Amino acid sequence: VQLQASGGGLVQAGGSLRLSCATSGRTVSSYVMGWFRQAPGKEREFVAAISRSGGNTNFADSVKGRFTISIDNAKNTVYLQMNSLKPEDTAVYYCAAGPRRNEYNYWGQGTLVTVSS
């Protein structure tokens, strides 16, 4: 499966962005889908995940209440809606797919999110 992330950009603190991750090769419902991010000089960290059915979601504590994750099966796309953005959310965001949580075999190319203060 191929993953194509998009939607990053520059936004002021308090603003919103929606990231998209389009899948090809297999349907998005075939995988657990996740979003990760890597800030400059830091290790990659988990942000959010959603089950195949879309019925279960998980979030890092740092984004709970501000980010949501969803699936559009008709478009084979996973979304990460990011609200109330903070400068510390600045990072390259990656989408990933795998058979289960904590086992992601496929990664997108990343999209840069920059939050200015």
PDB file of N, CA and C in Angstrom:
ATOM      1  N   VAL A   1       0.838  -1.177   0.000  1.00  0.00           N
ATOM      2  CA  VAL A   1       0.000   0.000   0.000  1.00  0.00           C
ATOM      3  C   VAL A   1       0.886   1.245   0.000  1.00  0.00           C
ATOM      4  N   GLN A   2       0.430   2.280  -0.711  1.00  0.00           N
ATOM      5  CA  GLN A   2       1.139   3.559  -0.722  1.00  0.00           C
ATOM      6  C   GLN A   2       0.320   4.590   0.050  1.00  0.00           C
ATOM      7  N   LEU A   3       1.031   5.424   0.781  1.00  0.00           N
ATOM      8  CA  LEU A   3       0.388   6.456   1.584  1.00  0.00           C
ATOM      9  C   LEU A   3       0.864   7.826   1.134  1.00  0.00           C
ATOM     10  N   GLN A   4      -0.052   8.738   0.945  1.00  0.00           N
ATOM     11  CA  GLN A   4       0.274  10.098   0.500  1.00  0.00           C
ATOM     12  C   GLN A   4      -0.317  11.082   1.485  1.00  0.00           C
ATOM     13  N   ALA A   5       0.537  11.704   2.282  1.00  0.00           N
ATOM     14  CA  ALA A   5       0.088  12.692   3.265  1.00  0.00           C
ATOM     15  C   ALA A   5       0.109  14.084   2.663  1.00  0.00           C
ATOM     16  N   SER A   6      -0.848  14.901   3.063  1.00  0.00           N
ATOM     17  CA  SER A   6      -0.921  16.277   2.587  1.00  0.00           C
ATOM     18  C   SER A   6      -1.666  17.121   3.603  1.00  0.00           C
ATOM     19  N   GLY A   7      -1.651  18.436   3.376  1.00  0.00           N
ATOM     20  CA  GLY A   7      -2.425  19.336   4.216  1.00  0.00           C
ATOM     21  C   GLY A   7      -1.619  20.161   5.192  1.00  0.00           C
ATOM     22  N   GLY A   8      -0.319  19.932   5.252  1.00  0.00           N
ATOM     23  CA  GLY A   8       0.498  20.720   6.143  1.00  0.00           C
ATOM     24  C   GLY A   8       0.632  22.159   5.675  1.00  0.00           C
ATOM     25  N   GLY A   9       1.189  22.991   6.548  1.00  0.00           N
ATOM     26  CA  GLY A   9       1.377  24.380   6.194  1.00  0.00           C
ATOM     27  C   GLY A   9       1.733  25.205   7.413  1.00  0.00           C
ATOM     28  N   LEU A  10       1.670  26.512   7.233  1.00  0.00           N
ATOM     29  CA  LEU A  10       1.984  27.461   8.294  1.00  0.00           C
ATOM     30  C   LEU A  10       0.686  28.021   8.860  1.00  0.00           C
ATOM     31  N   VAL A  11       0.557  27.981  10.170  1.00  0.00           N
ATOM     32  CA  VAL A  11      -0.648  28.475  10.827  1.00  0.00           C
ATOM     33  C   VAL A  11      -0.256  29.164  12.124  1.00  0.00           C
ATOM     34  N   GLN A  12      -1.036  30.133  12.521  1.00  0.00           N
ATOM     35  CA  GLN A  12      -0.775  30.809  13.785  1.00  0.00           C
ATOM     36  C   GLN A  12      -1.283  29.965  14.952  1.00  0.00           C
ATOM     37  N   ALA A  13      -0.700  30.176  16.089  1.00  0.00           N
ATOM     38  CA  ALA A  13      -1.142  29.488  17.300  1.00  0.00           C
ATOM     39  C   ALA A  13      -2.634  29.732  17.516  1.00  0.00           C
ATOM     40  N   GLY A  14      -3.334  28.672  17.878  1.00  0.00           N
ATOM     41  CA  GLY A  14      -4.778  28.758  18.048  1.00  0.00           C
ATOM     42  C   GLY A  14      -5.559  28.379  16.806  1.00  0.00           C
ATOM     43  N   GLY A  15      -4.858  28.268  15.696  1.00  0.00           N
ATOM     44  CA  GLY A  15      -5.515  27.943  14.439  1.00  0.00           C
ATOM     45  C   GLY A  15      -5.717  26.452  14.246  1.00  0.00           C
ATOM     46  N   SER A  16      -6.210  26.099  13.063  1.00  0.00           N
ATOM     47  CA  SER A  16      -6.536  24.708  12.755  1.00  0.00           C
ATOM     48  C   SER A  16      -5.961  24.310  11.399  1.00  0.00           C
ATOM     49  N   LEU A  17      -5.703  23.032  11.275  1.00  0.00           N
ATOM     50  CA  LEU A  17      -5.312  22.426  10.009  1.00  0.00           C
ATOM     51  C   LEU A  17      -5.921  21.039   9.947  1.00  0.00           C
ATOM     52  N   ARG A  18      -6.168  20.558   8.742  1.00  0.00           N
ATOM     53  CA  ARG A  18      -6.602  19.176   8.567  1.00  0.00           C
ATOM     54  C   ARG A  18      -5.619  18.473   7.645  1.00  0.00           C
ATOM     55  N   LEU A  19      -5.007  17.439   8.157  1.00  0.00           N
ATOM     56  CA  LEU A  19      -4.104  16.619   7.360  1.00  0.00           C
ATOM     57  C   LEU A  19      -4.884  15.464   6.744  1.00  0.00           C
ATOM     58  N   SER A  20      -4.468  15.085   5.550  1.00  0.00           N
ATOM     59  CA  SER A  20      -5.080  13.958   4.851  1.00  0.00           C
ATOM     60  C   SER A  20      -4.026  12.922   4.535  1.00  0.00           C
ATOM     61  N   CYS A  21      -4.426  11.683   4.550  1.00  0.00           N
ATOM     62  CA  CYS A  21      -3.543  10.585   4.166  1.00  0.00           C
ATOM     63  C   CYS A  21      -4.328   9.685   3.228  1.00  0.00           C
ATOM     64  N   ALA A  22      -4.016   9.769   1.960  1.00  0.00           N
ATOM     65  CA  ALA A  22      -4.697   8.960   0.954  1.00  0.00           C
ATOM     66  C   ALA A  22      -3.947   7.651   0.755  1.00  0.00           C
ATOM     67  N   THR A  23      -4.682   6.555   0.712  1.00  0.00           N
ATOM     68  CA  THR A  23      -4.061   5.248   0.517  1.00  0.00           C
ATOM     69  C   THR A  23      -4.373   4.719  -0.876  1.00  0.00           C
ATOM     70  N   SER A  24      -3.458   3.968  -1.393  1.00  0.00           N
ATOM     71  CA  SER A  24      -3.684   3.304  -2.671  1.00  0.00           C
ATOM     72  C   SER A  24      -3.077   1.922  -2.601  1.00  0.00           C
ATOM     73  N   GLY A  25      -3.597   1.035  -3.368  1.00  0.00           N
ATOM     74  CA  GLY A  25      -3.121  -0.347  -3.359  1.00  0.00           C
ATOM     75  C   GLY A  25      -4.047  -1.262  -2.584  1.00  0.00           C
ATOM     76  N   ARG A  26      -4.481  -0.818  -1.440  1.00  0.00           N
ATOM     77  CA  ARG A  26      -5.463  -1.551  -0.649  1.00  0.00           C
ATOM     78  C   ARG A  26      -6.356  -0.541   0.041  1.00  0.00           C
ATOM     79  N   THR A  27      -7.535  -0.973   0.437  1.00  0.00           N
ATOM     80  CA  THR A  27      -8.457  -0.051   1.071  1.00  0.00           C
ATOM     81  C   THR A  27      -7.973   0.323   2.472  1.00  0.00           C
ATOM     82  N   VAL A  28      -8.311   1.527   2.874  1.00  0.00           N
ATOM     83  CA  VAL A  28      -7.859   2.029   4.160  1.00  0.00           C
ATOM     84  C   VAL A  28      -8.406   1.172   5.306  1.00  0.00           C
ATOM     85  N   SER A  29      -9.549   0.535   5.090  1.00  0.00           N
ATOM     86  CA  SER A  29     -10.144  -0.289   6.143  1.00  0.00           C
ATOM     87  C   SER A  29      -9.398  -1.607   6.353  1.00  0.00           C
ATOM     88  N   SER A  30      -8.378  -1.852   5.549  1.00  0.00           N
ATOM     89  CA  SER A  30      -7.571  -3.063   5.724  1.00  0.00           C
ATOM     90  C   SER A  30      -6.560  -2.930   6.852  1.00  0.00           C
ATOM     91  N   TYR A  31      -6.368  -1.716   7.352  1.00  0.00           N
ATOM     92  CA  TYR A  31      -5.278  -1.456   8.285  1.00  0.00           C
ATOM     93  C   TYR A  31      -5.724  -0.644   9.491  1.00  0.00           C
ATOM     94  N   VAL A  32      -4.953  -0.774  10.522  1.00  0.00           N
ATOM     95  CA  VAL A  32      -4.956   0.232  11.581  1.00  0.00           C
ATOM     96  C   VAL A  32      -4.151   1.410  11.034  1.00  0.00           C
ATOM     97  N   MET A  33      -4.690   2.606  11.155  1.00  0.00           N
ATOM     98  CA  MET A  33      -4.024   3.793  10.607  1.00  0.00           C
ATOM     99  C   MET A  33      -3.566   4.690  11.754  1.00  0.00           C
ATOM    100  N   GLY A  34      -2.384   5.240  11.581  1.00  0.00           N
ATOM    101  CA  GLY A  34      -1.856   6.106  12.627  1.00  0.00           C
ATOM    102  C   GLY A  34      -1.218   7.363  12.071  1.00  0.00           C
ATOM    103  N   TRP A  35      -1.100   8.345  12.936  1.00  0.00           N
ATOM    104  CA  TRP A  35      -0.352   9.570  12.637  1.00  0.00           C
ATOM    105  C   TRP A  35       0.763   9.701  13.664  1.00  0.00           C
ATOM    106  N   PHE A  36       1.915  10.076  13.177  1.00  0.00           N
ATOM    107  CA  PHE A  36       3.080  10.316  14.010  1.00  0.00           C
ATOM    108  C   PHE A  36       3.661  11.670  13.635  1.00  0.00           C
ATOM    109  N   ARG A  37       4.539  12.179  14.468  1.00  0.00           N
ATOM    110  CA  ARG A  37       5.204  13.439  14.131  1.00  0.00           C
ATOM    111  C   ARG A  37       6.629  13.438  14.647  1.00  0.00           C
ATOM    112  N   GLN A  38       7.446  14.227  13.985  1.00  0.00           N
ATOM    113  CA  GLN A  38       8.829  14.378  14.407  1.00  0.00           C
ATOM    114  C   GLN A  38       9.210  15.842  14.335  1.00  0.00           C
ATOM    115  N   ALA A  39       9.494  16.388  15.489  1.00  0.00           N
ATOM    116  CA  ALA A  39       9.920  17.781  15.570  1.00  0.00           C
ATOM    117  C   ALA A  39      11.433  17.856  15.379  1.00  0.00           C
ATOM    118  N   PRO A  40      11.939  19.008  14.985  1.00  0.00           N
ATOM    119  CA  PRO A  40      13.389  19.155  14.780  1.00  0.00           C
ATOM    120  C   PRO A  40      14.177  18.767  16.024  1.00  0.00           C
ATOM    121  N   GLY A  41      15.134  17.884  15.850  1.00  0.00           N
ATOM    122  CA  GLY A  41      15.983  17.487  16.962  1.00  0.00           C
ATOM    123  C   GLY A  41      15.362  16.513  17.933  1.00  0.00           C
ATOM    124  N   LYS A  42      14.170  16.036  17.617  1.00  0.00           N
ATOM    125  CA  LYS A  42      13.487  15.114  18.520  1.00  0.00           C
ATOM    126  C   LYS A  42      13.169  13.806  17.813  1.00  0.00           C
ATOM    127  N   GLU A  43      12.851  12.797  18.600  1.00  0.00           N
ATOM    128  CA  GLU A  43      12.469  11.516  18.034  1.00  0.00           C
ATOM    129  C   GLU A  43      11.024  11.567  17.561  1.00  0.00           C
ATOM    130  N   ARG A  44      10.723  10.649  16.641  1.00  0.00           N
ATOM    131  CA  ARG A  44       9.355  10.549  16.176  1.00  0.00           C
ATOM    132  C   ARG A  44       8.464  10.090  17.315  1.00  0.00           C
ATOM    133  N   GLU A  45       7.260  10.650  17.387  1.00  0.00           N
ATOM    134  CA  GLU A  45       6.339  10.279  18.452  1.00  0.00           C
ATOM    135  C   GLU A  45       4.951  10.011  17.898  1.00  0.00           C
ATOM    136  N   PHE A  46       4.240   9.179  18.620  1.00  0.00           N
ATOM    137  CA  PHE A  46       2.874   8.830  18.261  1.00  0.00           C
ATOM    138  C   PHE A  46       1.958  10.025  18.500  1.00  0.00           C
ATOM    139  N   VAL A  47       0.994  10.203  17.593  1.00  0.00           N
ATOM    140  CA  VAL A  47       0.009  11.267  17.748  1.00  0.00           C
ATOM    141  C   VAL A  47      -1.399  10.686  17.914  1.00  0.00           C
ATOM    142  N   ALA A  48      -1.808   9.847  16.960  1.00  0.00           N
ATOM    143  CA  ALA A  48      -3.174   9.333  16.989  1.00  0.00           C
ATOM    144  C   ALA A  48      -3.262   8.061  16.161  1.00  0.00           C
ATOM    145  N   ALA A  49      -4.264   7.242  16.464  1.00  0.00           N
ATOM    146  CA  ALA A  49      -4.514   6.027  15.694  1.00  0.00           C
ATOM    147  C   ALA A  49      -6.003   5.762  15.636  1.00  0.00           C
ATOM    148  N   ILE A  50      -6.402   5.027  14.603  1.00  0.00           N
ATOM    149  CA  ILE A  50      -7.807   4.671  14.439  1.00  0.00           C
ATOM    150  C   ILE A  50      -7.883   3.245  13.943  1.00  0.00           C
ATOM    151  N   SER A  51      -8.863   2.511  14.465  1.00  0.00           N
ATOM    152  CA  SER A  51      -9.031   1.116  14.087  1.00  0.00           C
ATOM    153  C   SER A  51      -9.601   0.992  12.681  1.00  0.00           C
ATOM    154  N   ARG A  52      -9.597  -0.224  12.173  1.00  0.00           N
ATOM    155  CA  ARG A  52     -10.098  -0.467  10.815  1.00  0.00           C
ATOM    156  C   ARG A  52     -11.533   0.011  10.642  1.00  0.00           C
ATOM    157  N   SER A  53     -12.329  -0.235  11.622  1.00  0.00           N
ATOM    158  CA  SER A  53     -13.745   0.131  11.533  1.00  0.00           C
ATOM    159  C   SER A  53     -13.981   1.604  11.791  1.00  0.00           C
ATOM    160  N   GLY A  54     -12.974   2.253  12.361  1.00  0.00           N
ATOM    161  CA  GLY A  54     -13.128   3.646  12.757  1.00  0.00           C
ATOM    162  C   GLY A  54     -13.785   3.806  14.114  1.00  0.00           C
ATOM    163  N   GLY A  55     -14.097   2.689  14.747  1.00  0.00           N
ATOM    164  CA  GLY A  55     -14.821   2.768  16.001  1.00  0.00           C
ATOM    165  C   GLY A  55     -13.961   3.039  17.221  1.00  0.00           C
ATOM    166  N   ASN A  56     -12.671   2.790  17.096  1.00  0.00           N
ATOM    167  CA  ASN A  56     -11.760   3.018  18.221  1.00  0.00           C
ATOM    168  C   ASN A  56     -10.651   3.975  17.814  1.00  0.00           C
ATOM    169  N   THR A  57     -10.404   4.948  18.653  1.00  0.00           N
ATOM    170  CA  THR A  57      -9.339   5.916  18.406  1.00  0.00           C
ATOM    171  C   THR A  57      -8.470   6.059  19.649  1.00  0.00           C
ATOM    172  N   ASN A  58      -7.239   6.451  19.427  1.00  0.00           N
ATOM    173  CA  ASN A  58      -6.301   6.688  20.524  1.00  0.00           C
ATOM    174  C   ASN A  58      -5.502   7.937  20.210  1.00  0.00           C
ATOM    175  N   PHE A  59      -5.168   8.666  21.260  1.00  0.00           N
ATOM    176  CA  PHE A  59      -4.440   9.912  21.087  1.00  0.00           C
ATOM    177  C   PHE A  59      -3.333  10.021  22.123  1.00  0.00           C
ATOM    178  N   ALA A  60      -2.279  10.687  21.722  1.00  0.00           N
ATOM    179  CA  ALA A  60      -1.254  11.058  22.681  1.00  0.00           C
ATOM    180  C   ALA A  60      -1.844  12.073  23.653  1.00  0.00           C
ATOM    181  N   ASP A  61      -1.388  12.042  24.877  1.00  0.00           N
ATOM    182  CA  ASP A  61      -1.913  12.968  25.887  1.00  0.00           C
ATOM    183  C   ASP A  61      -1.748  14.419  25.459  1.00  0.00           C
ATOM    184  N   SER A  62      -0.690  14.701  24.733  1.00  0.00           N
ATOM    185  CA  SER A  62      -0.394  16.075  24.345  1.00  0.00           C
ATOM    186  C   SER A  62      -1.392  16.655  23.350  1.00  0.00           C
ATOM    187  N   VAL A  63      -2.174  15.798  22.695  1.00  0.00           N
ATOM    188  CA  VAL A  63      -3.120  16.302  21.686  1.00  0.00           C
ATOM    189  C   VAL A  63      -4.572  15.976  22.021  1.00  0.00           C
ATOM    190  N   LYS A  64      -4.811  15.258  23.089  1.00  0.00           N
ATOM    191  CA  LYS A  64      -6.180  14.908  23.468  1.00  0.00           C
ATOM    192  C   LYS A  64      -7.025  16.162  23.660  1.00  0.00           C
ATOM    193  N   GLY A  65      -8.230  16.096  23.090  1.00  0.00           N
ATOM    194  CA  GLY A  65      -9.130  17.237  23.203  1.00  0.00           C
ATOM    195  C   GLY A  65      -8.923  18.290  22.141  1.00  0.00           C
ATOM    196  N   ARG A  66      -7.822  18.192  21.398  1.00  0.00           N
ATOM    197  CA  ARG A  66      -7.534  19.176  20.347  1.00  0.00           C
ATOM    198  C   ARG A  66      -7.523  18.534  18.963  1.00  0.00           C
ATOM    199  N   PHE A  67      -7.089  17.295  18.869  1.00  0.00           N
ATOM    200  CA  PHE A  67      -6.989  16.594  17.586  1.00  0.00           C
ATOM    201  C   PHE A  67      -8.058  15.510  17.511  1.00  0.00           C
ATOM    202  N   THR A  68      -8.552  15.276  16.313  1.00  0.00           N
ATOM    203  CA  THR A  68      -9.415  14.129  16.059  1.00  0.00           C
ATOM    204  C   THR A  68      -8.911  13.391  14.819  1.00  0.00           C
ATOM    205  N   ILE A  69      -9.206  12.106  14.763  1.00  0.00           N
ATOM    206  CA  ILE A  69      -8.801  11.278  13.631  1.00  0.00           C
ATOM    207  C   ILE A  69     -10.050  10.606  13.082  1.00  0.00           C
ATOM    208  N   SER A  70     -10.144  10.519  11.772  1.00  0.00           N
ATOM    209  CA  SER A  70     -11.324   9.935  11.156  1.00  0.00           C
ATOM    210  C   SER A  70     -10.958   9.270   9.837  1.00  0.00           C
ATOM    211  N   ILE A  71     -11.868   8.437   9.360  1.00  0.00           N
ATOM    212  CA  ILE A  71     -11.667   7.716   8.106  1.00  0.00           C
ATOM    213  C   ILE A  71     -12.820   7.994   7.163  1.00  0.00           C
ATOM    214  N   ASP A  72     -12.500   8.204   5.897  1.00  0.00           N
ATOM    215  CA  ASP A  72     -13.493   8.246   4.837  1.00  0.00           C
ATOM    216  C   ASP A  72     -13.225   7.026   3.959  1.00  0.00           C
ATOM    217  N   ASN A  73     -13.987   5.965   4.154  1.00  0.00           N
ATOM    218  CA  ASN A  73     -13.734   4.728   3.409  1.00  0.00           C
ATOM    219  C   ASN A  73     -13.985   4.896   1.913  1.00  0.00           C
ATOM    220  N   ALA A  74     -14.923   5.732   1.561  1.00  0.00           N
ATOM    221  CA  ALA A  74     -15.221   5.936   0.144  1.00  0.00           C
ATOM    222  C   ALA A  74     -14.038   6.563  -0.585  1.00  0.00           C
ATOM    223  N   LYS A  75     -13.268   7.379   0.135  1.00  0.00           N
ATOM    224  CA  LYS A  75     -12.119   8.058  -0.466  1.00  0.00           C
ATOM    225  C   LYS A  75     -10.808   7.383  -0.090  1.00  0.00           C
ATOM    226  N   ASN A  76     -10.879   6.308   0.720  1.00  0.00           N
ATOM    227  CA  ASN A  76      -9.659   5.642   1.183  1.00  0.00           C
ATOM    228  C   ASN A  76      -8.685   6.648   1.785  1.00  0.00           C
ATOM    229  N   THR A  77      -9.209   7.486   2.633  1.00  0.00           N
ATOM    230  CA  THR A  77      -8.421   8.575   3.200  1.00  0.00           C
ATOM    231  C   THR A  77      -8.634   8.652   4.709  1.00  0.00           C
ATOM    232  N   VAL A  78      -7.551   8.907   5.411  1.00  0.00           N
ATOM    233  CA  VAL A  78      -7.597   9.153   6.850  1.00  0.00           C
ATOM    234  C   VAL A  78      -7.274  10.627   7.086  1.00  0.00           C
ATOM    235  N   TYR A  79      -7.997  11.220   8.015  1.00  0.00           N
ATOM    236  CA  TYR A  79      -7.817  12.635   8.302  1.00  0.00           C
ATOM    237  C   TYR A  79      -7.336  12.834   9.739  1.00  0.00           C
ATOM    238  N   LEU A  80      -6.547  13.863   9.928  1.00  0.00           N
ATOM    239  CA  LEU A  80      -6.184  14.304  11.261  1.00  0.00           C
ATOM    240  C   LEU A  80      -6.587  15.776  11.361  1.00  0.00           C
ATOM    241  N   GLN A  81      -7.653  16.037  12.083  1.00  0.00           N
ATOM    242  CA  GLN A  81      -8.104  17.408  12.307  1.00  0.00           C
ATOM    243  C   GLN A  81      -7.392  17.953  13.531  1.00  0.00           C
ATOM    244  N   MET A  82      -6.694  19.041  13.345  1.00  0.00           N
ATOM    245  CA  MET A  82      -5.893  19.623  14.419  1.00  0.00           C
ATOM    246  C   MET A  82      -6.423  21.008  14.744  1.00  0.00           C
ATOM    247  N   ASN A  83      -6.919  21.168  15.944  1.00  0.00           N
ATOM    248  CA  ASN A  83      -7.463  22.446  16.399  1.00  0.00           C
ATOM    249  C   ASN A  83      -6.633  22.987  17.551  1.00  0.00           C
ATOM    250  N   SER A  84      -6.803  24.243  17.826  1.00  0.00           N
ATOM    251  CA  SER A  84      -6.094  24.905  18.933  1.00  0.00           C
ATOM    252  C   SER A  84      -4.606  24.604  18.879  1.00  0.00           C
ATOM    253  N   LEU A  85      -4.046  24.768  17.721  1.00  0.00           N
ATOM    254  CA  LEU A  85      -2.638  24.419  17.524  1.00  0.00           C
ATOM    255  C   LEU A  85      -1.711  25.283  18.360  1.00  0.00           C
ATOM    256  N   LYS A  86      -0.630  24.669  18.793  1.00  0.00           N
ATOM    257  CA  LYS A  86       0.370  25.328  19.619  1.00  0.00           C
ATOM    258  C   LYS A  86       1.715  25.275  18.904  1.00  0.00           C
ATOM    259  N   PRO A  87       2.619  26.177  19.223  1.00  0.00           N
ATOM    260  CA  PRO A  87       3.950  26.130  18.604  1.00  0.00           C
ATOM    261  C   PRO A  87       4.633  24.777  18.794  1.00  0.00           C
ATOM    262  N   GLU A  88       4.382  24.110  19.906  1.00  0.00           N
ATOM    263  CA  GLU A  88       5.009  22.811  20.141  1.00  0.00           C
ATOM    264  C   GLU A  88       4.436  21.696  19.273  1.00  0.00           C
ATOM    265  N   ASP A  89       3.390  21.992  18.506  1.00  0.00           N
ATOM    266  CA  ASP A  89       2.872  21.019  17.545  1.00  0.00           C
ATOM    267  C   ASP A  89       3.657  21.058  16.227  1.00  0.00           C
ATOM    268  N   THR A  90       4.564  22.003  16.102  1.00  0.00           N
ATOM    269  CA  THR A  90       5.378  22.104  14.897  1.00  0.00           C
ATOM    270  C   THR A  90       6.202  20.842  14.707  1.00  0.00           C
ATOM    271  N   ALA A  91       6.061  20.227  13.537  1.00  0.00           N
ATOM    272  CA  ALA A  91       6.737  18.966  13.255  1.00  0.00           C
ATOM    273  C   ALA A  91       6.407  18.523  11.833  1.00  0.00           C
ATOM    274  N   VAL A  92       7.135  17.528  11.385  1.00  0.00           N
ATOM    275  CA  VAL A  92       6.730  16.801  10.178  1.00  0.00           C
ATOM    276  C   VAL A  92       5.793  15.688  10.628  1.00  0.00           C
ATOM    277  N   TYR A  93       4.634  15.636  10.014  1.00  0.00           N
ATOM    278  CA  TYR A  93       3.621  14.654  10.381  1.00  0.00           C
ATOM    279  C   TYR A  93       3.608  13.531   9.340  1.00  0.00           C
ATOM    280  N   TYR A  94       3.602  12.311   9.840  1.00  0.00           N
ATOM    281  CA  TYR A  94       3.613  11.129   8.985  1.00  0.00           C
ATOM    282  C   TYR A  94       2.378  10.280   9.255  1.00  0.00           C
ATOM    283  N   CYS A  95       1.796   9.735   8.190  1.00  0.00           N
ATOM    284  CA  CYS A  95       0.750   8.737   8.392  1.00  0.00           C
ATOM    285  C   CYS A  95       1.367   7.355   8.189  1.00  0.00           C
ATOM    286  N   ALA A  96       0.758   6.384   8.826  1.00  0.00           N
ATOM    287  CA  ALA A  96       1.285   5.033   8.785  1.00  0.00           C
ATOM    288  C   ALA A  96       0.135   4.031   8.800  1.00  0.00           C
ATOM    289  N   ALA A  97       0.405   2.841   8.289  1.00  0.00           N
ATOM    290  CA  ALA A  97      -0.604   1.783   8.232  1.00  0.00           C
ATOM    291  C   ALA A  97       0.019   0.469   8.677  1.00  0.00           C
ATOM    292  N   GLY A  98      -0.774  -0.351   9.340  1.00  0.00           N
ATOM    293  CA  GLY A  98      -0.267  -1.636   9.776  1.00  0.00           C
ATOM    294  C   GLY A  98      -1.375  -2.555  10.221  1.00  0.00           C
ATOM    295  N   PRO A  99      -1.002  -3.793  10.553  1.00  0.00           N
ATOM    296  CA  PRO A  99      -1.999  -4.789  10.937  1.00  0.00           C
ATOM    297  C   PRO A  99      -2.589  -4.556  12.335  1.00  0.00           C
ATOM    298  N   ARG A 100      -1.866  -3.838  13.162  1.00  0.00           N
ATOM    299  CA  ARG A 100      -2.326  -3.589  14.524  1.00  0.00           C
ATOM    300  C   ARG A 100      -1.597  -2.388  15.099  1.00  0.00           C
ATOM    301  N   ARG A 101      -2.075  -1.909  16.209  1.00  0.00           N
ATOM    302  CA  ARG A 101      -1.390  -0.797  16.847  1.00  0.00           C
ATOM    303  C   ARG A 101       0.024  -1.203  17.210  1.00  0.00           C
ATOM    304  N   ASN A 102       0.932  -0.279  17.141  1.00  0.00           N
ATOM    305  CA  ASN A 102       2.355  -0.492  17.460  1.00  0.00           C
ATOM    306  C   ASN A 102       3.044  -1.417  16.457  1.00  0.00           C
ATOM    307  N   GLU A 103       2.420  -1.654  15.340  1.00  0.00           N
ATOM    308  CA  GLU A 103       3.057  -2.430  14.285  1.00  0.00           C
ATOM    309  C   GLU A 103       2.663  -1.821  12.951  1.00  0.00           C
ATOM    310  N   TYR A 104       3.381  -0.791  12.569  1.00  0.00           N
ATOM    311  CA  TYR A 104       3.101  -0.070  11.342  1.00  0.00           C
ATOM    312  C   TYR A 104       4.154  -0.424  10.301  1.00  0.00           C
ATOM    313  N   ASN A 105       3.696  -0.965   9.184  1.00  0.00           N
ATOM    314  CA  ASN A 105       4.601  -1.446   8.143  1.00  0.00           C
ATOM    315  C   ASN A 105       4.764  -0.479   6.989  1.00  0.00           C
ATOM    316  N   TYR A 106       3.844   0.447   6.854  1.00  0.00           N
ATOM    317  CA  TYR A 106       3.841   1.353   5.707  1.00  0.00           C
ATOM    318  C   TYR A 106       3.791   2.803   6.209  1.00  0.00           C
ATOM    319  N   TRP A 107       4.589   3.641   5.553  1.00  0.00           N
ATOM    320  CA  TRP A 107       4.705   5.033   5.987  1.00  0.00           C
ATOM    321  C   TRP A 107       4.582   5.958   4.790  1.00  0.00           C
ATOM    322  N   GLY A 108       3.926   7.088   5.020  1.00  0.00           N
ATOM    323  CA  GLY A 108       3.864   8.130   4.018  1.00  0.00           C
ATOM    324  C   GLY A 108       5.112   8.987   4.077  1.00  0.00           C
ATOM    325  N   GLN A 109       5.179   9.983   3.204  1.00  0.00           N
ATOM    326  CA  GLN A 109       6.394  10.785   3.059  1.00  0.00           C
ATOM    327  C   GLN A 109       6.491  11.937   4.042  1.00  0.00           C
ATOM    328  N   GLY A 110       5.421  12.259   4.740  1.00  0.00           N
ATOM    329  CA  GLY A 110       5.457  13.343   5.706  1.00  0.00           C
ATOM    330  C   GLY A 110       4.977  14.658   5.140  1.00  0.00           C
ATOM    331  N   THR A 111       4.349  15.447   5.999  1.00  0.00           N
ATOM    332  CA  THR A 111       3.915  16.795   5.625  1.00  0.00           C
ATOM    333  C   THR A 111       4.233  17.723   6.787  1.00  0.00           C
ATOM    334  N   LEU A 112       4.791  18.886   6.471  1.00  0.00           N
ATOM    335  CA  LEU A 112       5.303  19.789   7.494  1.00  0.00           C
ATOM    336  C   LEU A 112       4.201  20.704   8.018  1.00  0.00           C
ATOM    337  N   VAL A 113       4.092  20.745   9.331  1.00  0.00           N
ATOM    338  CA  VAL A 113       3.184  21.668  10.012  1.00  0.00           C
ATOM    339  C   VAL A 113       4.029  22.626  10.837  1.00  0.00           C
ATOM    340  N   THR A 114       3.838  23.906  10.611  1.00  0.00           N
ATOM    341  CA  THR A 114       4.562  24.932  11.358  1.00  0.00           C
ATOM    342  C   THR A 114       3.552  25.845  12.038  1.00  0.00           C
ATOM    343  N   VAL A 115       3.647  25.944  13.352  1.00  0.00           N
ATOM    344  CA  VAL A 115       2.738  26.775  14.121  1.00  0.00           C
ATOM    345  C   VAL A 115       3.525  27.953  14.693  1.00  0.00           C
ATOM    346  N   SER A 116       3.156  29.133  14.287  1.00  0.00           N
ATOM    347  CA  SER A 116       3.861  30.331  14.744  1.00  0.00           C
ATOM    348  C   SER A 116       3.186  30.893  15.990  1.00  0.00           C
ATOM    349  N   SER A 117       3.995  31.494  16.848  1.00  0.00           N
ATOM    350  CA  SER A 117       3.461  32.047  18.102  1.00  0.00           C
ATOM    351  C   SER A 117       3.050  33.497  17.931  1.00  0.00           C
TER     352      SER A 117
END
